[in-house]
Amino acid sequence: MWLYEKMALASENLKKEAKKAGVDPDRLIFAGNLPKEEHLARIKLADLSLDTFTYNGHTTTSDCLWAGVPVVTLKGNHFASRVSASLLTAIGLPELITHSPEEYEKLAIDLASSPKKLATIHESLILNRESCPLFDTKKFTTNLEKAYQLIWNNYLSGKNPQHIVVVDQ
């Protein structure tokens, strides 16, 4: 298991707990901060990313998807636990979204045991990166500018703040 290391003490505690649970502590790999390009290059070495339940990956999930690493997530009931589901939908891989811990575990084991499935998803990620809305910076920027214009026009007309919906054309 590959984990982010912020504090050496936390890493040592996790290794101790792994050993108590009968897991070889050397199976836990800890990695610290790197410059963005090196970080993305390192992520490409992973086969699969397992998202956290209560508070999903945000930047981490985006980085994994950009690097072509499939992410399995459990969709929750509040914003912080639904981010990865939104990202996976935007990149065209809703089949990696689960709805129960049991479904999450089953999918994670299935993918970890199926190199061909992982390779297929990896290829989809690389292709979808160029065609799906998740990484379409130009469209995002255009739509954000449209939203700002709608907000500004609403303000100039003296109306109360309201929901803004930007429709792709």
N, C-alpha and C. Protein backbone atom coordinates (compact mmCIF):
# COMPACT_ATOMS: atom_id res chain seq x y z
N MET A 1 0.85 -1.16 0.00
CA MET A 1 0.00 0.00 0.00
C MET A 1 0.90 1.23 0.00
N TRP A 2 0.56 2.17 -0.85
CA TRP A 2 1.35 3.38 -1.04
C TRP A 2 0.62 4.52 -0.37
N LEU A 3 1.27 5.17 0.59
CA LEU A 3 0.63 6.23 1.38
C LEU A 3 1.47 7.50 1.38
N TYR A 4 0.80 8.60 1.58
CA TYR A 4 1.48 9.89 1.70
C TYR A 4 2.10 9.98 3.09
N GLU A 5 3.34 10.44 3.14
CA GLU A 5 4.01 10.60 4.43
C GLU A 5 4.19 12.07 4.75
N LYS A 6 3.55 12.49 5.81
CA LYS A 6 3.71 13.87 6.27
C LYS A 6 4.58 13.88 7.52
N MET A 7 4.38 12.87 8.39
CA MET A 7 5.14 12.79 9.63
C MET A 7 5.68 11.37 9.81
N ALA A 8 6.95 11.27 10.09
CA ALA A 8 7.58 9.96 10.26
C ALA A 8 6.94 9.17 11.40
N LEU A 9 6.53 9.85 12.46
CA LEU A 9 5.91 9.16 13.59
C LEU A 9 4.62 8.46 13.16
N ALA A 10 3.81 9.13 12.34
CA ALA A 10 2.57 8.52 11.85
C ALA A 10 2.89 7.28 11.00
N SER A 11 3.91 7.38 10.18
CA SER A 11 4.31 6.24 9.34
C SER A 11 4.74 5.06 10.21
N GLU A 12 5.52 5.33 11.23
CA GLU A 12 5.97 4.27 12.14
C GLU A 12 4.79 3.63 12.85
N ASN A 13 3.83 4.45 13.28
CA ASN A 13 2.63 3.91 13.95
C ASN A 13 1.83 3.02 13.00
N LEU A 14 1.70 3.43 11.75
CA LEU A 14 0.98 2.61 10.78
C LEU A 14 1.70 1.28 10.54
N LYS A 15 3.02 1.32 10.49
CA LYS A 15 3.79 0.07 10.32
C LYS A 15 3.59 -0.86 11.52
N LYS A 16 3.57 -0.29 12.73
CA LYS A 16 3.34 -1.10 13.93
C LYS A 16 1.95 -1.74 13.89
N GLU A 17 0.95 -0.96 13.48
CA GLU A 17 -0.42 -1.49 13.40
C GLU A 17 -0.53 -2.56 12.32
N ALA A 18 0.17 -2.37 11.22
CA ALA A 18 0.16 -3.38 10.16
C ALA A 18 0.74 -4.69 10.69
N LYS A 19 1.84 -4.59 11.40
CA LYS A 19 2.48 -5.79 11.96
C LYS A 19 1.54 -6.50 12.94
N LYS A 20 0.86 -5.72 13.79
CA LYS A 20 -0.11 -6.30 14.74
C LYS A 20 -1.22 -7.04 14.00
N ALA A 21 -1.58 -6.54 12.82
CA ALA A 21 -2.67 -7.14 12.03
C ALA A 21 -2.17 -8.28 11.14
N GLY A 22 -0.88 -8.61 11.25
CA GLY A 22 -0.34 -9.71 10.46
C GLY A 22 0.07 -9.33 9.06
N VAL A 23 0.23 -8.04 8.81
CA VAL A 23 0.65 -7.55 7.50
C VAL A 23 2.11 -7.14 7.59
N ASP A 24 2.91 -7.59 6.65
CA ASP A 24 4.32 -7.22 6.62
C ASP A 24 4.43 -5.70 6.49
N PRO A 25 5.03 -5.02 7.47
CA PRO A 25 5.14 -3.56 7.42
C PRO A 25 5.87 -3.04 6.17
N ASP A 26 6.71 -3.89 5.58
CA ASP A 26 7.43 -3.47 4.37
C ASP A 26 6.50 -3.36 3.16
N ARG A 27 5.26 -3.84 3.31
CA ARG A 27 4.28 -3.69 2.22
C ARG A 27 3.70 -2.28 2.20
N LEU A 28 3.95 -1.49 3.26
CA LEU A 28 3.51 -0.10 3.29
C LEU A 28 4.64 0.76 2.75
N ILE A 29 4.33 1.53 1.73
CA ILE A 29 5.32 2.41 1.10
C ILE A 29 4.88 3.84 1.37
N PHE A 30 5.78 4.65 1.88
CA PHE A 30 5.47 6.03 2.20
C PHE A 30 6.22 6.96 1.26
N ALA A 31 5.54 7.98 0.80
CA ALA A 31 6.14 8.94 -0.13
C ALA A 31 5.81 10.36 0.33
N GLY A 32 6.78 11.23 0.25
CA GLY A 32 6.59 12.62 0.66
C GLY A 32 6.30 13.53 -0.51
N ASN A 33 6.39 14.82 -0.25
CA ASN A 33 6.13 15.84 -1.28
C ASN A 33 7.20 15.83 -2.36
N LEU A 34 6.75 16.11 -3.58
CA LEU A 34 7.64 16.29 -4.73
C LEU A 34 7.10 17.45 -5.56
N PRO A 35 7.94 18.05 -6.40
CA PRO A 35 7.41 19.02 -7.36
C PRO A 35 6.34 18.35 -8.24
N LYS A 36 5.39 19.14 -8.73
CA LYS A 36 4.21 18.61 -9.43
C LYS A 36 4.55 17.61 -10.54
N GLU A 37 5.48 17.94 -11.43
CA GLU A 37 5.81 17.03 -12.54
C GLU A 37 6.34 15.69 -12.03
N GLU A 38 7.18 15.73 -11.02
CA GLU A 38 7.72 14.49 -10.45
C GLU A 38 6.62 13.71 -9.73
N HIS A 39 5.74 14.44 -9.07
CA HIS A 39 4.60 13.81 -8.38
C HIS A 39 3.72 13.06 -9.37
N LEU A 40 3.39 13.69 -10.49
CA LEU A 40 2.56 13.03 -11.51
C LEU A 40 3.28 11.84 -12.13
N ALA A 41 4.58 11.97 -12.34
CA ALA A 41 5.36 10.85 -12.89
C ALA A 41 5.36 9.67 -11.90
N ARG A 42 5.45 9.98 -10.63
CA ARG A 42 5.44 8.93 -9.60
C ARG A 42 4.07 8.24 -9.54
N ILE A 43 3.00 9.02 -9.63
CA ILE A 43 1.65 8.44 -9.56
C ILE A 43 1.43 7.43 -10.67
N LYS A 44 2.01 7.67 -11.84
CA LYS A 44 1.84 6.75 -12.98
C LYS A 44 2.31 5.33 -12.65
N LEU A 45 3.13 5.19 -11.63
CA LEU A 45 3.64 3.88 -11.25
C LEU A 45 2.60 3.03 -10.52
N ALA A 46 1.53 3.66 -10.06
CA ALA A 46 0.48 2.92 -9.34
C ALA A 46 -0.43 2.20 -10.33
N ASP A 47 -1.00 1.10 -9.89
CA ASP A 47 -1.96 0.35 -10.71
C ASP A 47 -3.39 0.81 -10.46
N LEU A 48 -3.68 1.16 -9.20
CA LEU A 48 -5.04 1.47 -8.80
C LEU A 48 -5.00 2.38 -7.58
N SER A 49 -5.91 3.34 -7.54
CA SER A 49 -6.02 4.23 -6.38
C SER A 49 -7.33 3.93 -5.67
N LEU A 50 -7.25 3.74 -4.36
CA LEU A 50 -8.44 3.50 -3.54
C LEU A 50 -8.76 4.79 -2.79
N ASP A 51 -9.87 5.39 -3.15
CA ASP A 51 -10.28 6.66 -2.56
C ASP A 51 -10.73 6.46 -1.12
N THR A 52 -10.57 7.50 -0.31
CA THR A 52 -11.05 7.44 1.07
C THR A 52 -12.55 7.70 1.11
N PHE A 53 -13.23 7.11 2.09
CA PHE A 53 -14.70 7.13 2.13
C PHE A 53 -15.28 8.49 2.50
N THR A 54 -14.96 8.94 3.69
CA THR A 54 -15.70 10.09 4.20
C THR A 54 -15.28 11.39 3.56
N TYR A 55 -14.03 11.50 3.27
CA TYR A 55 -13.52 12.72 2.64
C TYR A 55 -12.72 12.26 1.42
N ASN A 56 -13.34 12.38 0.25
CA ASN A 56 -12.73 11.89 -0.99
C ASN A 56 -11.47 12.67 -1.35
N GLY A 57 -10.70 12.05 -2.23
CA GLY A 57 -9.60 12.75 -2.84
C GLY A 57 -10.15 13.86 -3.72
N HIS A 58 -9.51 14.97 -3.72
CA HIS A 58 -9.90 16.07 -4.58
C HIS A 58 -8.77 16.22 -5.61
N THR A 59 -7.70 16.89 -5.21
CA THR A 59 -6.54 17.03 -6.08
C THR A 59 -5.90 15.67 -6.34
N THR A 60 -5.84 14.83 -5.32
CA THR A 60 -5.22 13.51 -5.49
C THR A 60 -5.96 12.69 -6.54
N THR A 61 -7.29 12.70 -6.49
CA THR A 61 -8.06 11.97 -7.50
C THR A 61 -7.83 12.56 -8.88
N SER A 62 -7.84 13.88 -8.98
CA SER A 62 -7.58 14.53 -10.27
C SER A 62 -6.20 14.14 -10.80
N ASP A 63 -5.20 14.16 -9.93
CA ASP A 63 -3.85 13.79 -10.35
C ASP A 63 -3.79 12.34 -10.83
N CYS A 64 -4.44 11.45 -10.10
CA CYS A 64 -4.45 10.03 -10.51
C CYS A 64 -5.11 9.87 -11.87
N LEU A 65 -6.25 10.51 -12.07
CA LEU A 65 -6.95 10.38 -13.34
C LEU A 65 -6.12 10.96 -14.48
N TRP A 66 -5.47 12.09 -14.26
CA TRP A 66 -4.61 12.68 -15.28
C TRP A 66 -3.47 11.73 -15.64
N ALA A 67 -2.94 11.04 -14.62
CA ALA A 67 -1.82 10.11 -14.82
C ALA A 67 -2.26 8.77 -15.40
N GLY A 68 -3.58 8.57 -15.54
CA GLY A 68 -4.08 7.32 -16.11
C GLY A 68 -4.29 6.21 -15.09
N VAL A 69 -4.33 6.57 -13.82
CA VAL A 69 -4.51 5.58 -12.76
C VAL A 69 -6.00 5.52 -12.38
N PRO A 70 -6.63 4.35 -12.53
CA PRO A 70 -8.04 4.22 -12.14
C PRO A 70 -8.23 4.48 -10.65
N VAL A 71 -9.34 5.09 -10.31
CA VAL A 71 -9.68 5.40 -8.92
C VAL A 71 -11.03 4.76 -8.59
N VAL A 72 -11.06 3.97 -7.53
CA VAL A 72 -12.32 3.40 -7.04
C VAL A 72 -12.80 4.28 -5.90
N THR A 73 -14.06 4.71 -5.96
CA THR A 73 -14.59 5.58 -4.91
C THR A 73 -15.91 5.07 -4.38
N LEU A 74 -16.22 5.46 -3.17
CA LEU A 74 -17.52 5.20 -2.55
C LEU A 74 -18.22 6.54 -2.44
N LYS A 75 -19.30 6.70 -3.19
CA LYS A 75 -20.04 7.97 -3.22
C LYS A 75 -20.80 8.14 -1.90
N GLY A 76 -20.57 9.29 -1.26
CA GLY A 76 -21.21 9.56 0.02
C GLY A 76 -22.40 10.49 -0.10
N ASN A 77 -22.78 11.08 1.05
CA ASN A 77 -23.99 11.90 1.12
C ASN A 77 -23.72 13.39 1.24
N HIS A 78 -22.47 13.81 1.28
CA HIS A 78 -22.17 15.24 1.38
C HIS A 78 -21.07 15.59 0.38
N PHE A 79 -20.87 16.88 0.18
CA PHE A 79 -19.96 17.35 -0.86
C PHE A 79 -18.60 16.66 -0.81
N ALA A 80 -17.97 16.67 0.35
CA ALA A 80 -16.60 16.15 0.44
C ALA A 80 -16.51 14.66 0.14
N SER A 81 -17.64 13.95 0.24
CA SER A 81 -17.62 12.52 -0.04
C SER A 81 -18.20 12.19 -1.42
N ARG A 82 -18.38 13.22 -2.24
CA ARG A 82 -18.93 13.01 -3.59
C ARG A 82 -18.02 13.56 -4.69
N VAL A 83 -16.92 14.17 -4.30
CA VAL A 83 -16.03 14.81 -5.27
C VAL A 83 -15.48 13.81 -6.28
N SER A 84 -14.96 12.70 -5.80
CA SER A 84 -14.37 11.73 -6.73
C SER A 84 -15.41 11.15 -7.68
N ALA A 85 -16.64 10.97 -7.19
CA ALA A 85 -17.71 10.48 -8.07
C ALA A 85 -17.96 11.49 -9.20
N SER A 86 -17.94 12.77 -8.87
CA SER A 86 -18.12 13.80 -9.90
C SER A 86 -16.97 13.77 -10.90
N LEU A 87 -15.75 13.62 -10.40
CA LEU A 87 -14.58 13.59 -11.29
C LEU A 87 -14.63 12.36 -12.20
N LEU A 88 -14.99 11.22 -11.65
CA LEU A 88 -15.08 9.99 -12.46
C LEU A 88 -16.18 10.10 -13.51
N THR A 89 -17.28 10.73 -13.16
CA THR A 89 -18.36 10.94 -14.13
C THR A 89 -17.88 11.86 -15.25
N ALA A 90 -17.17 12.92 -14.88
CA ALA A 90 -16.69 13.89 -15.88
C ALA A 90 -15.62 13.31 -16.80
N ILE A 91 -14.94 12.25 -16.37
CA ILE A 91 -13.92 11.63 -17.23
C ILE A 91 -14.48 10.39 -17.94
N GLY A 92 -15.77 10.12 -17.74
CA GLY A 92 -16.42 9.03 -18.47
C GLY A 92 -16.24 7.65 -17.88
N LEU A 93 -16.01 7.56 -16.56
CA LEU A 93 -15.82 6.26 -15.92
C LEU A 93 -16.71 6.09 -14.68
N PRO A 94 -18.03 6.23 -14.85
CA PRO A 94 -18.91 6.08 -13.69
C PRO A 94 -18.93 4.66 -13.12
N GLU A 95 -18.43 3.69 -13.88
CA GLU A 95 -18.40 2.31 -13.38
C GLU A 95 -17.42 2.13 -12.22
N LEU A 96 -16.60 3.14 -11.94
CA LEU A 96 -15.67 3.06 -10.81
C LEU A 96 -16.26 3.68 -9.54
N ILE A 97 -17.52 4.10 -9.61
CA ILE A 97 -18.23 4.68 -8.46
C ILE A 97 -19.04 3.58 -7.79
N THR A 98 -18.83 3.40 -6.48
CA THR A 98 -19.60 2.40 -5.74
C THR A 98 -20.53 3.11 -4.75
N HIS A 99 -21.48 2.31 -4.20
CA HIS A 99 -22.51 2.90 -3.35
C HIS A 99 -22.61 2.24 -1.98
N SER A 100 -21.72 1.31 -1.69
CA SER A 100 -21.68 0.68 -0.36
C SER A 100 -20.25 0.20 -0.12
N PRO A 101 -19.88 0.07 1.15
CA PRO A 101 -18.53 -0.43 1.44
C PRO A 101 -18.28 -1.82 0.84
N GLU A 102 -19.32 -2.65 0.81
CA GLU A 102 -19.17 -3.99 0.25
C GLU A 102 -18.90 -3.93 -1.26
N GLU A 103 -19.64 -3.06 -1.94
CA GLU A 103 -19.45 -2.89 -3.38
C GLU A 103 -18.05 -2.32 -3.67
N TYR A 104 -17.61 -1.38 -2.84
CA TYR A 104 -16.28 -0.79 -2.96
C TYR A 104 -15.21 -1.87 -2.85
N GLU A 105 -15.31 -2.68 -1.80
CA GLU A 105 -14.32 -3.75 -1.58
C GLU A 105 -14.32 -4.74 -2.74
N LYS A 106 -15.49 -5.13 -3.19
CA LYS A 106 -15.60 -6.10 -4.28
C LYS A 106 -14.96 -5.55 -5.56
N LEU A 107 -15.26 -4.29 -5.89
CA LEU A 107 -14.69 -3.70 -7.10
C LEU A 107 -13.17 -3.56 -6.98
N ALA A 108 -12.70 -3.12 -5.82
CA ALA A 108 -11.25 -2.96 -5.62
C ALA A 108 -10.53 -4.29 -5.79
N ILE A 109 -11.06 -5.34 -5.20
CA ILE A 109 -10.44 -6.66 -5.31
C ILE A 109 -10.51 -7.16 -6.75
N ASP A 110 -11.65 -6.97 -7.39
CA ASP A 110 -11.82 -7.41 -8.78
C ASP A 110 -10.79 -6.73 -9.68
N LEU A 111 -10.66 -5.42 -9.54
CA LEU A 111 -9.70 -4.70 -10.40
C LEU A 111 -8.26 -5.06 -10.06
N ALA A 112 -7.95 -5.16 -8.77
CA ALA A 112 -6.58 -5.50 -8.37
C ALA A 112 -6.19 -6.90 -8.86
N SER A 113 -7.19 -7.75 -9.07
CA SER A 113 -6.95 -9.12 -9.54
C SER A 113 -7.04 -9.26 -11.06
N SER A 114 -7.30 -8.16 -11.75
CA SER A 114 -7.54 -8.21 -13.20
C SER A 114 -6.68 -7.20 -13.95
N PRO A 115 -5.40 -7.55 -14.20
CA PRO A 115 -4.52 -6.62 -14.91
C PRO A 115 -5.08 -6.16 -16.26
N LYS A 116 -5.81 -7.04 -16.95
CA LYS A 116 -6.37 -6.65 -18.25
C LYS A 116 -7.44 -5.57 -18.09
N LYS A 117 -8.29 -5.71 -17.08
CA LYS A 117 -9.31 -4.69 -16.82
C LYS A 117 -8.65 -3.35 -16.48
N LEU A 118 -7.63 -3.41 -15.63
CA LEU A 118 -6.92 -2.18 -15.26
C LEU A 118 -6.29 -1.53 -16.48
N ALA A 119 -5.70 -2.33 -17.35
CA ALA A 119 -5.07 -1.79 -18.56
C ALA A 119 -6.10 -1.14 -19.47
N THR A 120 -7.28 -1.75 -19.58
CA THR A 120 -8.34 -1.18 -20.41
C THR A 120 -8.81 0.16 -19.84
N ILE A 121 -8.98 0.22 -18.52
CA ILE A 121 -9.41 1.48 -17.89
C ILE A 121 -8.31 2.53 -18.05
N HIS A 122 -7.06 2.12 -17.88
CA HIS A 122 -5.94 3.05 -18.06
C HIS A 122 -5.96 3.66 -19.46
N GLU A 123 -6.16 2.83 -20.46
CA GLU A 123 -6.23 3.32 -21.85
C GLU A 123 -7.39 4.28 -22.03
N SER A 124 -8.54 3.96 -21.43
CA SER A 124 -9.70 4.86 -21.51
C SER A 124 -9.39 6.20 -20.87
N LEU A 125 -8.70 6.17 -19.74
CA LEU A 125 -8.35 7.43 -19.06
C LEU A 125 -7.47 8.30 -19.94
N ILE A 126 -6.48 7.71 -20.56
CA ILE A 126 -5.57 8.48 -21.40
C ILE A 126 -6.33 9.08 -22.58
N LEU A 127 -7.22 8.30 -23.20
CA LEU A 127 -8.02 8.81 -24.32
C LEU A 127 -9.02 9.87 -23.86
N ASN A 128 -9.73 9.58 -22.77
CA ASN A 128 -10.76 10.49 -22.27
C ASN A 128 -10.19 11.81 -21.76
N ARG A 129 -8.94 11.78 -21.37
CA ARG A 129 -8.29 12.98 -20.86
C ARG A 129 -8.36 14.12 -21.88
N GLU A 130 -8.33 13.76 -23.15
CA GLU A 130 -8.34 14.76 -24.21
C GLU A 130 -9.75 15.11 -24.70
N SER A 131 -10.74 14.26 -24.39
CA SER A 131 -12.07 14.48 -24.98
C SER A 131 -13.18 14.73 -23.97
N CYS A 132 -12.99 14.41 -22.71
CA CYS A 132 -14.05 14.59 -21.71
C CYS A 132 -13.92 15.94 -21.01
N PRO A 133 -15.00 16.41 -20.42
CA PRO A 133 -15.00 17.75 -19.84
C PRO A 133 -14.07 17.95 -18.65
N LEU A 134 -13.68 16.89 -17.96
CA LEU A 134 -12.89 17.07 -16.74
C LEU A 134 -11.63 17.90 -16.95
N PHE A 135 -10.91 17.66 -18.02
CA PHE A 135 -9.65 18.37 -18.24
C PHE A 135 -9.73 19.34 -19.42
N ASP A 136 -10.94 19.73 -19.80
CA ASP A 136 -11.12 20.68 -20.90
C ASP A 136 -11.04 22.10 -20.35
N THR A 137 -9.83 22.58 -20.17
CA THR A 137 -9.59 23.88 -19.55
C THR A 137 -10.20 25.02 -20.36
N LYS A 138 -10.13 24.91 -21.68
CA LYS A 138 -10.67 25.98 -22.51
C LYS A 138 -12.19 26.11 -22.30
N LYS A 139 -12.89 24.98 -22.32
CA LYS A 139 -14.35 25.02 -22.12
C LYS A 139 -14.68 25.52 -20.72
N PHE A 140 -13.94 25.04 -19.72
CA PHE A 140 -14.17 25.47 -18.35
C PHE A 140 -14.02 26.99 -18.23
N THR A 141 -12.94 27.51 -18.81
CA THR A 141 -12.68 28.95 -18.74
C THR A 141 -13.77 29.74 -19.46
N THR A 142 -14.16 29.27 -20.64
CA THR A 142 -15.22 29.94 -21.40
C THR A 142 -16.51 29.97 -20.59
N ASN A 143 -16.86 28.84 -19.99
CA ASN A 143 -18.09 28.77 -19.20
C ASN A 143 -18.00 29.61 -17.93
N LEU A 144 -16.84 29.65 -17.31
CA LEU A 144 -16.66 30.49 -16.13
C LEU A 144 -16.82 31.96 -16.50
N GLU A 145 -16.25 32.36 -17.63
CA GLU A 145 -16.41 33.75 -18.10
C GLU A 145 -17.87 34.06 -18.38
N LYS A 146 -18.60 33.10 -18.98
CA LYS A 146 -20.05 33.30 -19.22
C LYS A 146 -20.78 33.48 -17.89
N ALA A 147 -20.41 32.67 -16.91
CA ALA A 147 -21.06 32.77 -15.60
C ALA A 147 -20.81 34.14 -14.98
N TYR A 148 -19.57 34.61 -15.05
CA TYR A 148 -19.26 35.94 -14.52
C TYR A 148 -20.08 37.01 -15.23
N GLN A 149 -20.23 36.88 -16.55
CA GLN A 149 -21.00 37.86 -17.31
C GLN A 149 -22.47 37.83 -16.89
N LEU A 150 -23.03 36.63 -16.71
CA LEU A 150 -24.42 36.52 -16.25
C LEU A 150 -24.60 37.13 -14.86
N ILE A 151 -23.66 36.88 -13.98
CA ILE A 151 -23.71 37.45 -12.63
C ILE A 151 -23.64 38.97 -12.70
N TRP A 152 -22.72 39.48 -13.50
CA TRP A 152 -22.55 40.93 -13.64
C TRP A 152 -23.80 41.57 -14.23
N ASN A 153 -24.35 40.96 -15.27
CA ASN A 153 -25.57 41.50 -15.89
C ASN A 153 -26.73 41.50 -14.89
N ASN A 154 -26.83 40.44 -14.09
CA ASN A 154 -27.87 40.36 -13.07
C ASN A 154 -27.70 41.50 -12.06
N TYR A 155 -26.48 41.74 -11.66
CA TYR A 155 -26.18 42.82 -10.71
C TYR A 155 -26.54 44.18 -11.31
N LEU A 156 -26.12 44.42 -12.55
CA LEU A 156 -26.39 45.71 -13.20
C LEU A 156 -27.89 45.97 -13.37
N SER A 157 -28.66 44.91 -13.52
CA SER A 157 -30.11 45.08 -13.71
C SER A 157 -30.83 45.30 -12.37
N GLY A 158 -30.10 45.25 -11.27
CA GLY A 158 -30.69 45.52 -9.96
C GLY A 158 -31.43 44.35 -9.35
N LYS A 159 -31.30 43.18 -9.93
CA LYS A 159 -31.99 42.00 -9.40
C LYS A 159 -31.24 41.43 -8.20
N ASN A 160 -31.98 40.68 -7.38
CA ASN A 160 -31.36 39.96 -6.27
C ASN A 160 -30.48 38.85 -6.82
N PRO A 161 -29.47 38.42 -6.06
CA PRO A 161 -28.66 37.29 -6.52
C PRO A 161 -29.54 36.08 -6.80
N GLN A 162 -29.17 35.32 -7.82
CA GLN A 162 -29.95 34.14 -8.20
C GLN A 162 -29.02 33.06 -8.72
N HIS A 163 -29.58 31.87 -8.88
CA HIS A 163 -28.80 30.77 -9.43
C HIS A 163 -28.42 31.10 -10.87
N ILE A 164 -27.20 30.76 -11.22
CA ILE A 164 -26.70 30.98 -12.58
C ILE A 164 -26.48 29.62 -13.22
N VAL A 165 -27.02 29.44 -14.41
CA VAL A 165 -26.82 28.20 -15.16
C VAL A 165 -26.18 28.55 -16.49
N VAL A 166 -25.03 27.97 -16.74
CA VAL A 166 -24.33 28.18 -18.01
C VAL A 166 -24.56 26.95 -18.87
N VAL A 167 -25.07 27.17 -20.06
CA VAL A 167 -25.37 26.07 -20.98
C VAL A 167 -24.33 26.06 -22.08
N ASP A 168 -23.73 24.88 -22.32
CA ASP A 168 -22.78 24.75 -23.44
C ASP A 168 -23.51 24.98 -24.75
N GLN A 169 -22.80 25.60 -25.68
CA GLN A 169 -23.40 25.84 -27.00
C GLN A 169 -22.63 25.11 -28.06
